[in-house]
Amino acid sequence: MKLTDRQIKLLKCIVEEYVENPEPISSSIIVSKYMKKVSSATIRNEMVILEKNDLLEKNHVSSGRIPSVKAFKYYNEFIVKPEVNNLLKSKLNAIFNNRDLSINTIIEQTTDIIQQTFQMPIFVSNEDDSESLKKIDLVKIDDKTAVVLVVTSLQNINKNVLTFDSSVEFDDIVTCIKIFNSRLIDTPLKLIPQKAELLKPLLRKTVQKYEFCVRQIFENIFSFSTQKIQQPTKVKGLKFLTSYREFQDIEALNKVLSFLEDTNVWKHISYIEEATGKTSIIFENEIGVRNLAIASTSFEIGETKQRFSIVGPSRMNYGNIKGALEYIKEQLENYFKK
């Protein structure tokens, strides 16, 4: 499909107008706001050509036209350039320049800024499940209570409160923690349940209150590792979806929410992005959900791979969103190389 310079400019104007105001766009709007030196008749003729190329769709209740999915894809691939506004860059740099923050805190604060800036949900997923166990600490609170801190390779800290009725039970917990620290350190979280299971014969020989230890440790301390594997994706700002007219219908919203809960969705997005090696936009015709688009990028931190995905309507601001994701990817990878 070969477009003239004027047709490209016209398509750019239509997409950007529709992103800001999702109403059918007439030739008079284009002339009054964007192309003052071109007549309405000429604009209408050009719009007919764009429609024949499936880049515009006619709204039957209006003389105006709206961009098609094909138009959004063309705009994203050939017209708009990624950019980051100075205010957003300043907010992100304040995080990246703080060398005292943990990985987990940096990602938390970055996602807070992104979902608030774009008023869209952001999903964070661990792509390779290589987060590993680094340390288990036990802190006694009183004669009946202790706190176990499980520290991972991503500096995530999982806290568990354990209760015991006697000094014998507490001593058994201490013994178990020592065994786990000697046998499980650097084990990927996804393998913790299997490897811990293999240690049960040793625990049975070593501790006095075996059943108590198994209940406390396997049901409390190590339960988080299976939860991480089953729920690898965190989401912030899901409430923003209802602010877009595309998802205000309850049926449409429920369809989107059900779609986003499917773990196969994120595997599919990962496959598409890895095929291009770039920050990608996945459109509604690629995922089967009308009016939905997902902007996604991945970045490597040590041996782990994380993915940020911004979810919104097909009329999202591609230039700013792609620019923000690419800037975050660059800064995070550079941050953790230092």
C-alpha atoms as a PDB file:
ATOM      1  CA  MET A   1       0.000   0.000   0.000  1.00  0.00           C
ATOM      2  CA  LYS A   2       1.574   3.243  -1.204  1.00  0.00           C
ATOM      3  CA  LEU A   3       0.191   6.472   0.232  1.00  0.00           C
ATOM      4  CA  THR A   4       0.962   9.985  -0.957  1.00  0.00           C
ATOM      5  CA  ASP A   5       2.490  12.504   1.433  1.00  0.00           C
ATOM      6  CA  ARG A   6      -0.870  14.253   1.760  1.00  0.00           C
ATOM      7  CA  GLN A   7      -2.659  10.987   2.514  1.00  0.00           C
ATOM      8  CA  ILE A   8      -0.064  10.137   5.177  1.00  0.00           C
ATOM      9  CA  LYS A   9      -0.490  13.562   6.757  1.00  0.00           C
ATOM     10  CA  LEU A  10      -4.275  13.203   6.627  1.00  0.00           C
ATOM     11  CA  LEU A  11      -4.164   9.753   8.229  1.00  0.00           C
ATOM     12  CA  LYS A  12      -1.874  11.114  10.962  1.00  0.00           C
ATOM     13  CA  CYS A  13      -4.322  13.934  11.689  1.00  0.00           C
ATOM     14  CA  ILE A  14      -7.309  11.595  11.793  1.00  0.00           C
ATOM     15  CA  VAL A  15      -5.646   9.103  14.151  1.00  0.00           C
ATOM     16  CA  GLU A  16      -4.380  11.790  16.524  1.00  0.00           C
ATOM     17  CA  GLU A  17      -7.732  13.575  16.558  1.00  0.00           C
ATOM     18  CA  TYR A  18      -9.506  10.300  17.294  1.00  0.00           C
ATOM     19  CA  VAL A  19      -7.079   9.457  20.123  1.00  0.00           C
ATOM     20  CA  GLU A  20      -8.025  12.712  21.837  1.00  0.00           C
ATOM     21  CA  ASN A  21     -11.721  12.714  20.925  1.00  0.00           C
ATOM     22  CA  PRO A  22     -13.195   9.353  19.844  1.00  0.00           C
ATOM     23  CA  GLU A  23     -15.922  10.738  17.609  1.00  0.00           C
ATOM     24  CA  PRO A  24     -16.355  10.371  13.819  1.00  0.00           C
ATOM     25  CA  ILE A  25     -14.113  12.875  12.065  1.00  0.00           C
ATOM     26  CA  SER A  26     -15.401  15.033   9.235  1.00  0.00           C
ATOM     27  CA  SER A  27     -13.495  16.839   6.518  1.00  0.00           C
ATOM     28  CA  SER A  28     -14.471  20.182   8.081  1.00  0.00           C
ATOM     29  CA  ILE A  29     -12.690  19.264  11.341  1.00  0.00           C
ATOM     30  CA  ILE A  30      -9.529  18.373   9.428  1.00  0.00           C
ATOM     31  CA  VAL A  31      -9.599  21.629   7.442  1.00  0.00           C
ATOM     32  CA  SER A  32     -10.308  23.835  10.466  1.00  0.00           C
ATOM     33  CA  LYS A  33      -7.712  22.243  12.787  1.00  0.00           C
ATOM     34  CA  TYR A  34      -4.970  20.660  10.685  1.00  0.00           C
ATOM     35  CA  MET A  35      -4.949  21.346   6.941  1.00  0.00           C
ATOM     36  CA  LYS A  36      -6.265  24.874   6.469  1.00  0.00           C
ATOM     37  CA  LYS A  37      -4.884  25.272   2.951  1.00  0.00           C
ATOM     38  CA  VAL A  38      -6.710  22.240   1.556  1.00  0.00           C
ATOM     39  CA  SER A  39     -10.385  22.324   0.554  1.00  0.00           C
ATOM     40  CA  SER A  40     -13.014  20.156   2.212  1.00  0.00           C
ATOM     41  CA  ALA A  41     -13.781  18.537  -1.155  1.00  0.00           C
ATOM     42  CA  THR A  42     -10.164  17.440  -1.552  1.00  0.00           C
ATOM     43  CA  ILE A  43     -10.068  16.087   1.982  1.00  0.00           C
ATOM     44  CA  ARG A  44     -13.279  14.115   1.358  1.00  0.00           C
ATOM     45  CA  ASN A  45     -11.808  12.611  -1.789  1.00  0.00           C
ATOM     46  CA  GLU A  46      -8.647  11.597   0.062  1.00  0.00           C
ATOM     47  CA  MET A  47     -10.731  10.089   2.859  1.00  0.00           C
ATOM     48  CA  VAL A  48     -12.569   7.978   0.294  1.00  0.00           C
ATOM     49  CA  ILE A  49      -9.225   6.636  -0.938  1.00  0.00           C
ATOM     50  CA  LEU A  50      -8.119   5.834   2.619  1.00  0.00           C
ATOM     51  CA  GLU A  51     -11.437   4.078   3.200  1.00  0.00           C
ATOM     52  CA  LYS A  52     -10.970   1.962   0.063  1.00  0.00           C
ATOM     53  CA  ASN A  53      -7.588   0.939   1.484  1.00  0.00           C
ATOM     54  CA  ASP A  54      -9.333  -0.161   4.723  1.00  0.00           C
ATOM     55  CA  LEU A  55      -7.614   2.568   6.719  1.00  0.00           C
ATOM     56  CA  LEU A  56     -10.849   4.396   7.569  1.00  0.00           C
ATOM     57  CA  GLU A  57     -14.306   3.165   8.491  1.00  0.00           C
ATOM     58  CA  LYS A  58     -17.582   4.960   7.804  1.00  0.00           C
ATOM     59  CA  ASN A  59     -19.851   5.629  10.736  1.00  0.00           C
ATOM     60  CA  HIS A  60     -23.413   5.101   9.477  1.00  0.00           C
ATOM     61  CA  VAL A  61     -24.968   7.686  11.779  1.00  0.00           C
ATOM     62  CA  SER A  62     -22.580  10.412  10.740  1.00  0.00           C
ATOM     63  CA  SER A  63     -20.778  11.771   7.716  1.00  0.00           C
ATOM     64  CA  GLY A  64     -17.471  11.370   9.533  1.00  0.00           C
ATOM     65  CA  ARG A  65     -15.023   8.484   9.552  1.00  0.00           C
ATOM     66  CA  ILE A  66     -12.969   6.737  12.186  1.00  0.00           C
ATOM     67  CA  PRO A  67      -9.569   4.999  11.950  1.00  0.00           C
ATOM     68  CA  SER A  68      -9.567   1.233  11.462  1.00  0.00           C
ATOM     69  CA  VAL A  69      -7.253  -1.219  13.227  1.00  0.00           C
ATOM     70  CA  LYS A  70      -5.213  -1.209  10.015  1.00  0.00           C
ATOM     71  CA  ALA A  71      -4.875   2.574  10.351  1.00  0.00           C
ATOM     72  CA  PHE A  72      -3.598   2.317  13.917  1.00  0.00           C
ATOM     73  CA  LYS A  73      -1.052  -0.288  12.847  1.00  0.00           C
ATOM     74  CA  TYR A  74       0.118   1.855   9.906  1.00  0.00           C
ATOM     75  CA  TYR A  75       0.358   4.907  12.158  1.00  0.00           C
ATOM     76  CA  ASN A  76       2.364   2.955  14.730  1.00  0.00           C
ATOM     77  CA  GLU A  77       4.756   1.383  12.217  1.00  0.00           C
ATOM     78  CA  PHE A  78       5.347   4.185   9.729  1.00  0.00           C
ATOM     79  CA  ILE A  79       4.258   7.557  11.110  1.00  0.00           C
ATOM     80  CA  VAL A  80       4.653   8.126  14.842  1.00  0.00           C
ATOM     81  CA  LYS A  81       8.058   8.226  16.562  1.00  0.00           C
ATOM     82  CA  PRO A  82       8.625   7.206  20.210  1.00  0.00           C
ATOM     83  CA  GLU A  83       9.055  10.179  22.527  1.00  0.00           C
ATOM     84  CA  VAL A  84       9.223  10.862  26.258  1.00  0.00           C
ATOM     85  CA  ASN A  85       8.059  14.189  27.629  1.00  0.00           C
ATOM     86  CA  ASN A  86      10.413  15.968  30.010  1.00  0.00           C
ATOM     87  CA  LEU A  87       8.113  15.780  33.056  1.00  0.00           C
ATOM     88  CA  LEU A  88       7.804  11.989  32.823  1.00  0.00           C
ATOM     89  CA  LYS A  89      11.527  11.629  32.199  1.00  0.00           C
ATOM     90  CA  SER A  90      12.266  13.749  35.274  1.00  0.00           C
ATOM     91  CA  LYS A  91      10.026  11.587  37.477  1.00  0.00           C
ATOM     92  CA  LEU A  92      11.617   8.372  36.214  1.00  0.00           C
ATOM     93  CA  ASN A  93      15.155   9.725  36.597  1.00  0.00           C
ATOM     94  CA  ALA A  94      14.460  10.537  40.241  1.00  0.00           C
ATOM     95  CA  ILE A  95      13.942   6.799  40.746  1.00  0.00           C
ATOM     96  CA  PHE A  96      16.824   5.573  38.591  1.00  0.00           C
ATOM     97  CA  ASN A  97      19.279   7.997  40.199  1.00  0.00           C
ATOM     98  CA  ASN A  98      18.563   6.660  43.691  1.00  0.00           C
ATOM     99  CA  ARG A  99      21.198   3.960  44.149  1.00  0.00           C
ATOM    100  CA  ASP A 100      19.797   2.859  47.513  1.00  0.00           C
ATOM    101  CA  LEU A 101      16.589   1.371  46.113  1.00  0.00           C
ATOM    102  CA  SER A 102      16.058  -2.369  45.682  1.00  0.00           C
ATOM    103  CA  ILE A 103      14.980  -3.869  42.370  1.00  0.00           C
ATOM    104  CA  ASN A 104      11.522  -4.497  43.723  1.00  0.00           C
ATOM    105  CA  THR A 105      11.117  -0.900  44.920  1.00  0.00           C
ATOM    106  CA  ILE A 106      12.342   0.537  41.613  1.00  0.00           C
ATOM    107  CA  ILE A 107       9.837  -1.524  39.655  1.00  0.00           C
ATOM    108  CA  GLU A 108       7.018  -0.672  42.087  1.00  0.00           C
ATOM    109  CA  GLN A 109       7.678   3.078  41.865  1.00  0.00           C
ATOM    110  CA  THR A 110       8.163   2.999  38.096  1.00  0.00           C
ATOM    111  CA  THR A 111       4.858   1.218  37.501  1.00  0.00           C
ATOM    112  CA  ASP A 112       3.089   3.666  39.838  1.00  0.00           C
ATOM    113  CA  ILE A 113       4.278   6.576  37.711  1.00  0.00           C
ATOM    114  CA  ILE A 114       3.425   4.912  34.396  1.00  0.00           C
ATOM    115  CA  GLN A 115      -0.133   3.892  35.261  1.00  0.00           C
ATOM    116  CA  GLN A 116      -0.852   7.331  36.732  1.00  0.00           C
ATOM    117  CA  THR A 117       0.698   9.162  33.767  1.00  0.00           C
ATOM    118  CA  PHE A 118      -1.182   7.284  31.060  1.00  0.00           C
ATOM    119  CA  GLN A 119      -4.272   6.420  33.125  1.00  0.00           C
ATOM    120  CA  MET A 120      -4.051   2.825  31.947  1.00  0.00           C
ATOM    121  CA  PRO A 121      -3.390  -0.516  33.652  1.00  0.00           C
ATOM    122  CA  ILE A 122       0.169  -1.818  33.639  1.00  0.00           C
ATOM    123  CA  PHE A 123       1.082  -5.490  33.984  1.00  0.00           C
ATOM    124  CA  VAL A 124       4.467  -6.685  35.245  1.00  0.00           C
ATOM    125  CA  SER A 125       5.502 -10.294  34.664  1.00  0.00           C
ATOM    126  CA  ASN A 126       8.569 -12.390  35.338  1.00  0.00           C
ATOM    127  CA  GLU A 127       9.346 -14.069  32.035  1.00  0.00           C
ATOM    128  CA  ASP A 128      11.717 -16.848  32.996  1.00  0.00           C
ATOM    129  CA  ASP A 129      10.865 -17.769  36.605  1.00  0.00           C
ATOM    130  CA  SER A 130      14.572 -17.742  37.491  1.00  0.00           C
ATOM    131  CA  GLU A 131      14.133 -15.797  40.746  1.00  0.00           C
ATOM    132  CA  SER A 132      15.940 -17.830  43.383  1.00  0.00           C
ATOM    133  CA  LEU A 133      16.159 -18.221  47.151  1.00  0.00           C
ATOM    134  CA  LYS A 134      18.973 -16.210  48.763  1.00  0.00           C
ATOM    135  CA  LYS A 135      18.405 -16.350  52.508  1.00  0.00           C
ATOM    136  CA  ILE A 136      15.978 -17.388  55.246  1.00  0.00           C
ATOM    137  CA  ASP A 137      16.078 -15.437  58.527  1.00  0.00           C
ATOM    138  CA  LEU A 138      14.226 -16.230  61.752  1.00  0.00           C
ATOM    139  CA  VAL A 139      13.364 -13.491  64.257  1.00  0.00           C
ATOM    140  CA  LYS A 140      11.818 -14.469  67.595  1.00  0.00           C
ATOM    141  CA  ILE A 141       9.156 -11.982  68.703  1.00  0.00           C
ATOM    142  CA  ASP A 142       8.075 -13.518  72.003  1.00  0.00           C
ATOM    143  CA  ASP A 143       7.652 -16.906  73.686  1.00  0.00           C
ATOM    144  CA  LYS A 144       4.932 -17.926  71.232  1.00  0.00           C
ATOM    145  CA  THR A 145       5.707 -16.055  67.998  1.00  0.00           C
ATOM    146  CA  ALA A 146       8.485 -15.741  65.433  1.00  0.00           C
ATOM    147  CA  VAL A 147       8.800 -14.102  62.015  1.00  0.00           C
ATOM    148  CA  VAL A 148      10.486 -15.831  59.079  1.00  0.00           C
ATOM    149  CA  LEU A 149      11.950 -13.604  56.347  1.00  0.00           C
ATOM    150  CA  VAL A 150      12.559 -15.269  52.987  1.00  0.00           C
ATOM    151  CA  VAL A 151      14.826 -13.145  50.734  1.00  0.00           C
ATOM    152  CA  THR A 152      15.045 -13.783  46.984  1.00  0.00           C
ATOM    153  CA  SER A 153      17.566 -12.931  44.270  1.00  0.00           C
ATOM    154  CA  LEU A 154      15.372  -9.982  43.217  1.00  0.00           C
ATOM    155  CA  GLN A 155      15.501  -8.660  46.793  1.00  0.00           C
ATOM    156  CA  ASN A 156      11.844  -9.512  47.281  1.00  0.00           C
ATOM    157  CA  ILE A 157      11.110 -10.304  50.938  1.00  0.00           C
ATOM    158  CA  ASN A 158       8.346 -12.661  51.975  1.00  0.00           C
ATOM    159  CA  LYS A 159       7.294 -12.455  55.640  1.00  0.00           C
ATOM    160  CA  ASN A 160       5.580 -15.238  57.552  1.00  0.00           C
ATOM    161  CA  VAL A 161       4.454 -15.296  61.196  1.00  0.00           C
ATOM    162  CA  LEU A 162       4.922 -18.661  62.896  1.00  0.00           C
ATOM    163  CA  THR A 163       3.415 -19.662  66.230  1.00  0.00           C
ATOM    164  CA  PHE A 164       4.689 -22.337  68.602  1.00  0.00           C
ATOM    165  CA  ASP A 165       3.662 -23.677  72.015  1.00  0.00           C
ATOM    166  CA  SER A 166       6.998 -24.705  73.484  1.00  0.00           C
ATOM    167  CA  SER A 167      10.738 -24.154  73.352  1.00  0.00           C
ATOM    168  CA  VAL A 168      11.051 -27.574  71.709  1.00  0.00           C
ATOM    169  CA  GLU A 169       8.909 -26.444  68.761  1.00  0.00           C
ATOM    170  CA  PHE A 170      10.912 -23.226  68.406  1.00  0.00           C
ATOM    171  CA  ASP A 171      14.211 -25.148  68.500  1.00  0.00           C
ATOM    172  CA  ASP A 172      12.863 -27.446  65.789  1.00  0.00           C
ATOM    173  CA  ILE A 173      12.041 -24.444  63.621  1.00  0.00           C
ATOM    174  CA  VAL A 174      15.590 -23.131  64.118  1.00  0.00           C
ATOM    175  CA  THR A 175      16.963 -26.503  63.042  1.00  0.00           C
ATOM    176  CA  CYS A 176      14.759 -26.566  59.937  1.00  0.00           C
ATOM    177  CA  ILE A 177      15.849 -23.065  58.909  1.00  0.00           C
ATOM    178  CA  LYS A 178      19.513 -24.079  59.243  1.00  0.00           C
ATOM    179  CA  ILE A 179      18.959 -27.118  57.034  1.00  0.00           C
ATOM    180  CA  PHE A 180      17.128 -25.080  54.391  1.00  0.00           C
ATOM    181  CA  ASN A 181      19.820 -22.387  54.374  1.00  0.00           C
ATOM    182  CA  SER A 182      22.479 -25.032  53.839  1.00  0.00           C
ATOM    183  CA  ARG A 183      20.589 -27.022  51.196  1.00  0.00           C
ATOM    184  CA  LEU A 184      18.280 -24.641  49.294  1.00  0.00           C
ATOM    185  CA  ILE A 185      20.180 -21.373  48.810  1.00  0.00           C
ATOM    186  CA  ASP A 186      20.330 -20.337  45.108  1.00  0.00           C
ATOM    187  CA  THR A 187      17.540 -22.764  44.244  1.00  0.00           C
ATOM    188  CA  PRO A 188      15.026 -21.242  41.756  1.00  0.00           C
ATOM    189  CA  LEU A 189      11.726 -20.559  43.487  1.00  0.00           C
ATOM    190  CA  LYS A 190       9.914 -22.801  41.037  1.00  0.00           C
ATOM    191  CA  LEU A 191      12.003 -25.761  42.300  1.00  0.00           C
ATOM    192  CA  ILE A 192      11.680 -25.052  46.030  1.00  0.00           C
ATOM    193  CA  PRO A 193       8.630 -27.310  46.617  1.00  0.00           C
ATOM    194  CA  GLN A 194      10.289 -30.335  44.964  1.00  0.00           C
ATOM    195  CA  LYS A 195      13.687 -29.865  46.647  1.00  0.00           C
ATOM    196  CA  ALA A 196      12.149 -29.169  50.048  1.00  0.00           C
ATOM    197  CA  GLU A 197      10.106 -32.350  49.692  1.00  0.00           C
ATOM    198  CA  LEU A 198      13.347 -34.324  49.305  1.00  0.00           C
ATOM    199  CA  LEU A 199      14.540 -32.975  52.651  1.00  0.00           C
ATOM    200  CA  LYS A 200      11.636 -34.444  54.601  1.00  0.00           C
ATOM    201  CA  PRO A 201      13.475 -37.680  55.516  1.00  0.00           C
ATOM    202  CA  LEU A 202      16.337 -35.615  56.951  1.00  0.00           C
ATOM    203  CA  LEU A 203      13.922 -33.454  58.922  1.00  0.00           C
ATOM    204  CA  ARG A 204      12.148 -36.512  60.292  1.00  0.00           C
ATOM    205  CA  LYS A 205      15.450 -37.780  61.703  1.00  0.00           C
ATOM    206  CA  THR A 206      16.580 -34.397  63.036  1.00  0.00           C
ATOM    207  CA  VAL A 207      13.613 -32.685  64.688  1.00  0.00           C
ATOM    208  CA  GLN A 208      11.380 -33.836  67.528  1.00  0.00           C
ATOM    209  CA  LYS A 209       8.102 -32.292  66.307  1.00  0.00           C
ATOM    210  CA  TYR A 210       8.197 -33.406  62.700  1.00  0.00           C
ATOM    211  CA  GLU A 211       4.484 -32.958  61.884  1.00  0.00           C
ATOM    212  CA  PHE A 212       4.521 -29.495  63.474  1.00  0.00           C
ATOM    213  CA  CYS A 213       7.525 -28.457  61.348  1.00  0.00           C
ATOM    214  CA  VAL A 214       6.022 -29.762  58.129  1.00  0.00           C
ATOM    215  CA  ARG A 215       2.784 -27.899  58.783  1.00  0.00           C
ATOM    216  CA  GLN A 216       4.467 -24.610  59.665  1.00  0.00           C
ATOM    217  CA  ILE A 217       7.154 -24.636  57.017  1.00  0.00           C
ATOM    218  CA  PHE A 218       5.590 -26.297  54.013  1.00  0.00           C
ATOM    219  CA  GLU A 219       2.167 -24.718  54.418  1.00  0.00           C
ATOM    220  CA  ASN A 220       3.379 -21.260  55.455  1.00  0.00           C
ATOM    221  CA  ILE A 221       6.977 -20.482  54.556  1.00  0.00           C
ATOM    222  CA  PHE A 222       7.168 -22.169  51.160  1.00  0.00           C
ATOM    223  CA  SER A 223       3.622 -21.604  49.970  1.00  0.00           C
ATOM    224  CA  PHE A 224       4.672 -18.282  48.371  1.00  0.00           C
ATOM    225  CA  SER A 225       6.929 -20.039  45.831  1.00  0.00           C
ATOM    226  CA  THR A 226       4.038 -21.907  44.220  1.00  0.00           C
ATOM    227  CA  GLN A 227       1.895 -18.783  44.278  1.00  0.00           C
ATOM    228  CA  LYS A 228       4.554 -16.906  42.333  1.00  0.00           C
ATOM    229  CA  ILE A 229       4.628 -19.583  39.668  1.00  0.00           C
ATOM    230  CA  GLN A 230       0.856 -19.742  39.353  1.00  0.00           C
ATOM    231  CA  GLN A 231       0.431 -15.964  39.342  1.00  0.00           C
ATOM    232  CA  PRO A 232       3.512 -14.512  37.597  1.00  0.00           C
ATOM    233  CA  THR A 233       1.801 -11.273  36.625  1.00  0.00           C
ATOM    234  CA  LYS A 234       1.114  -8.235  38.802  1.00  0.00           C
ATOM    235  CA  VAL A 235      -1.293  -5.513  37.708  1.00  0.00           C
ATOM    236  CA  LYS A 236      -1.781  -1.897  38.722  1.00  0.00           C
ATOM    237  CA  GLY A 237      -4.458   0.581  37.681  1.00  0.00           C
ATOM    238  CA  LEU A 238      -7.066  -1.852  36.356  1.00  0.00           C
ATOM    239  CA  LYS A 239      -9.730   0.663  37.421  1.00  0.00           C
ATOM    240  CA  PHE A 240      -8.672   2.982  34.599  1.00  0.00           C
ATOM    241  CA  LEU A 241     -10.237   0.712  31.963  1.00  0.00           C
ATOM    242  CA  THR A 242     -13.724   1.865  32.956  1.00  0.00           C
ATOM    243  CA  SER A 243     -12.859   5.476  32.111  1.00  0.00           C
ATOM    244  CA  TYR A 244     -12.707   4.608  28.395  1.00  0.00           C
ATOM    245  CA  ARG A 245     -15.990   4.489  26.519  1.00  0.00           C
ATOM    246  CA  GLU A 246     -14.864   1.303  24.744  1.00  0.00           C
ATOM    247  CA  PHE A 247     -15.045  -0.622  28.027  1.00  0.00           C
ATOM    248  CA  GLN A 248     -17.927   1.068  29.844  1.00  0.00           C
ATOM    249  CA  ASP A 249     -20.356  -1.582  28.621  1.00  0.00           C
ATOM    250  CA  ILE A 250     -20.295  -4.282  31.300  1.00  0.00           C
ATOM    251  CA  GLU A 251     -20.205  -7.115  28.765  1.00  0.00           C
ATOM    252  CA  ALA A 252     -17.232  -5.604  26.932  1.00  0.00           C
ATOM    253  CA  LEU A 253     -15.419  -4.947  30.215  1.00  0.00           C
ATOM    254  CA  ASN A 254     -15.963  -8.504  31.461  1.00  0.00           C
ATOM    255  CA  LYS A 255     -14.612  -9.872  28.193  1.00  0.00           C
ATOM    256  CA  VAL A 256     -11.442  -7.799  28.554  1.00  0.00           C
ATOM    257  CA  LEU A 257     -10.952  -8.789  32.193  1.00  0.00           C
ATOM    258  CA  SER A 258     -11.426 -12.493  31.425  1.00  0.00           C
ATOM    259  CA  PHE A 259      -8.970 -12.177  28.565  1.00  0.00           C
ATOM    260  CA  LEU A 260      -6.319 -10.551  30.751  1.00  0.00           C
ATOM    261  CA  GLU A 261      -6.642 -13.276  33.394  1.00  0.00           C
ATOM    262  CA  ASP A 262      -5.615 -15.932  30.860  1.00  0.00           C
ATOM    263  CA  THR A 263      -1.914 -16.766  31.355  1.00  0.00           C
ATOM    264  CA  ASN A 264      -1.694 -17.896  27.718  1.00  0.00           C
ATOM    265  CA  VAL A 265      -2.255 -14.261  26.715  1.00  0.00           C
ATOM    266  CA  TRP A 266       1.079 -13.228  28.189  1.00  0.00           C
ATOM    267  CA  LYS A 267       2.871 -16.160  26.569  1.00  0.00           C
ATOM    268  CA  HIS A 268       1.442 -15.045  23.214  1.00  0.00           C
ATOM    269  CA  ILE A 269       2.541 -11.444  23.807  1.00  0.00           C
ATOM    270  CA  SER A 270       6.014 -12.649  24.762  1.00  0.00           C
ATOM    271  CA  TYR A 271       6.239 -14.658  21.543  1.00  0.00           C
ATOM    272  CA  ILE A 272       5.196 -11.700  19.366  1.00  0.00           C
ATOM    273  CA  GLU A 273       7.653  -9.310  21.011  1.00  0.00           C
ATOM    274  CA  GLU A 274      10.570 -11.735  20.890  1.00  0.00           C
ATOM    275  CA  ALA A 275       9.928 -12.217  17.182  1.00  0.00           C
ATOM    276  CA  THR A 276      10.561  -8.505  16.583  1.00  0.00           C
ATOM    277  CA  GLY A 277      13.042  -7.819  19.406  1.00  0.00           C
ATOM    278  CA  LYS A 278      11.442  -4.418  19.957  1.00  0.00           C
ATOM    279  CA  THR A 279       8.860  -2.699  22.118  1.00  0.00           C
ATOM    280  CA  SER A 280       5.672  -3.905  20.479  1.00  0.00           C
ATOM    281  CA  ILE A 281       2.023  -2.979  20.127  1.00  0.00           C
ATOM    282  CA  ILE A 282      -0.366  -5.920  19.870  1.00  0.00           C
ATOM    283  CA  PHE A 283      -3.695  -4.957  18.321  1.00  0.00           C
ATOM    284  CA  GLU A 284      -7.233  -6.235  18.697  1.00  0.00           C
ATOM    285  CA  ASN A 285      -7.158  -8.370  15.542  1.00  0.00           C
ATOM    286  CA  GLU A 286      -4.078 -10.204  16.890  1.00  0.00           C
ATOM    287  CA  ILE A 287      -5.612 -11.006  20.271  1.00  0.00           C
ATOM    288  CA  GLY A 288      -9.293 -11.310  19.402  1.00  0.00           C
ATOM    289  CA  VAL A 289     -10.676  -8.608  21.709  1.00  0.00           C
ATOM    290  CA  ARG A 290     -12.336  -5.637  20.067  1.00  0.00           C
ATOM    291  CA  ASN A 291     -10.950  -2.144  20.798  1.00  0.00           C
ATOM    292  CA  LEU A 292      -8.080  -3.509  22.926  1.00  0.00           C
ATOM    293  CA  ALA A 293      -4.348  -2.898  22.429  1.00  0.00           C
ATOM    294  CA  ILE A 294      -1.348  -3.917  24.517  1.00  0.00           C
ATOM    295  CA  ALA A 295       2.014  -2.118  24.455  1.00  0.00           C
ATOM    296  CA  SER A 296       4.791  -4.336  25.783  1.00  0.00           C
ATOM    297  CA  THR A 297       8.533  -4.372  26.365  1.00  0.00           C
ATOM    298  CA  SER A 298      10.930  -6.686  28.184  1.00  0.00           C
ATOM    299  CA  PHE A 299      14.206  -6.019  29.957  1.00  0.00           C
ATOM    300  CA  GLU A 300      16.872  -8.135  31.589  1.00  0.00           C
ATOM    301  CA  ILE A 301      18.040  -7.748  35.187  1.00  0.00           C
ATOM    302  CA  GLY A 302      20.883 -10.118  35.857  1.00  0.00           C
ATOM    303  CA  GLU A 303      19.596 -13.582  35.017  1.00  0.00           C
ATOM    304  CA  THR A 304      15.929 -12.612  35.107  1.00  0.00           C
ATOM    305  CA  LYS A 305      13.711 -11.198  32.407  1.00  0.00           C
ATOM    306  CA  GLN A 306      10.793  -8.927  33.246  1.00  0.00           C
ATOM    307  CA  ARG A 307       8.040  -7.546  31.057  1.00  0.00           C
ATOM    308  CA  PHE A 308       6.027  -4.322  31.307  1.00  0.00           C
ATOM    309  CA  SER A 309       2.712  -4.263  29.419  1.00  0.00           C
ATOM    310  CA  ILE A 310       0.375  -1.261  29.192  1.00  0.00           C
ATOM    311  CA  VAL A 311      -3.226  -2.167  28.390  1.00  0.00           C
ATOM    312  CA  GLY A 312      -5.715   0.246  26.873  1.00  0.00           C
ATOM    313  CA  PRO A 313      -7.997   1.042  23.945  1.00  0.00           C
ATOM    314  CA  SER A 314      -6.758   0.790  20.354  1.00  0.00           C
ATOM    315  CA  ARG A 315      -6.634   4.598  20.254  1.00  0.00           C
ATOM    316  CA  MET A 316      -3.816   4.831  22.820  1.00  0.00           C
ATOM    317  CA  ASN A 317      -1.075   7.420  22.349  1.00  0.00           C
ATOM    318  CA  TYR A 318       1.478   5.141  20.691  1.00  0.00           C
ATOM    319  CA  GLY A 319       4.335   7.620  20.468  1.00  0.00           C
ATOM    320  CA  ASN A 320       4.348   8.553  24.152  1.00  0.00           C
ATOM    321  CA  ILE A 321       3.674   5.031  25.426  1.00  0.00           C
ATOM    322  CA  LYS A 322       6.338   3.388  23.266  1.00  0.00           C
ATOM    323  CA  GLY A 323       8.772   6.160  24.144  1.00  0.00           C
ATOM    324  CA  ALA A 324       8.173   5.651  27.873  1.00  0.00           C
ATOM    325  CA  LEU A 325       8.568   1.866  27.674  1.00  0.00           C
ATOM    326  CA  GLU A 326      11.749   2.080  25.619  1.00  0.00           C
ATOM    327  CA  TYR A 327      13.216   4.666  28.008  1.00  0.00           C
ATOM    328  CA  ILE A 328      12.400   2.487  31.032  1.00  0.00           C
ATOM    329  CA  LYS A 329      13.938  -0.561  29.361  1.00  0.00           C
ATOM    330  CA  GLU A 330      17.143   1.335  28.587  1.00  0.00           C
ATOM    331  CA  GLN A 331      17.447   2.891  32.036  1.00  0.00           C
ATOM    332  CA  LEU A 332      16.703  -0.299  33.979  1.00  0.00           C
ATOM    333  CA  GLU A 333      19.173  -2.389  32.012  1.00  0.00           C
ATOM    334  CA  ASN A 334      21.864   0.279  32.421  1.00  0.00           C
ATOM    335  CA  TYR A 335      21.042   0.710  36.125  1.00  0.00           C
ATOM    336  CA  PHE A 336      21.654  -2.929  36.952  1.00  0.00           C
ATOM    337  CA  LYS A 337      24.815  -3.188  34.852  1.00  0.00           C
ATOM    338  CA  LYS A 338      26.520  -0.636  37.102  1.00  0.00           C
END
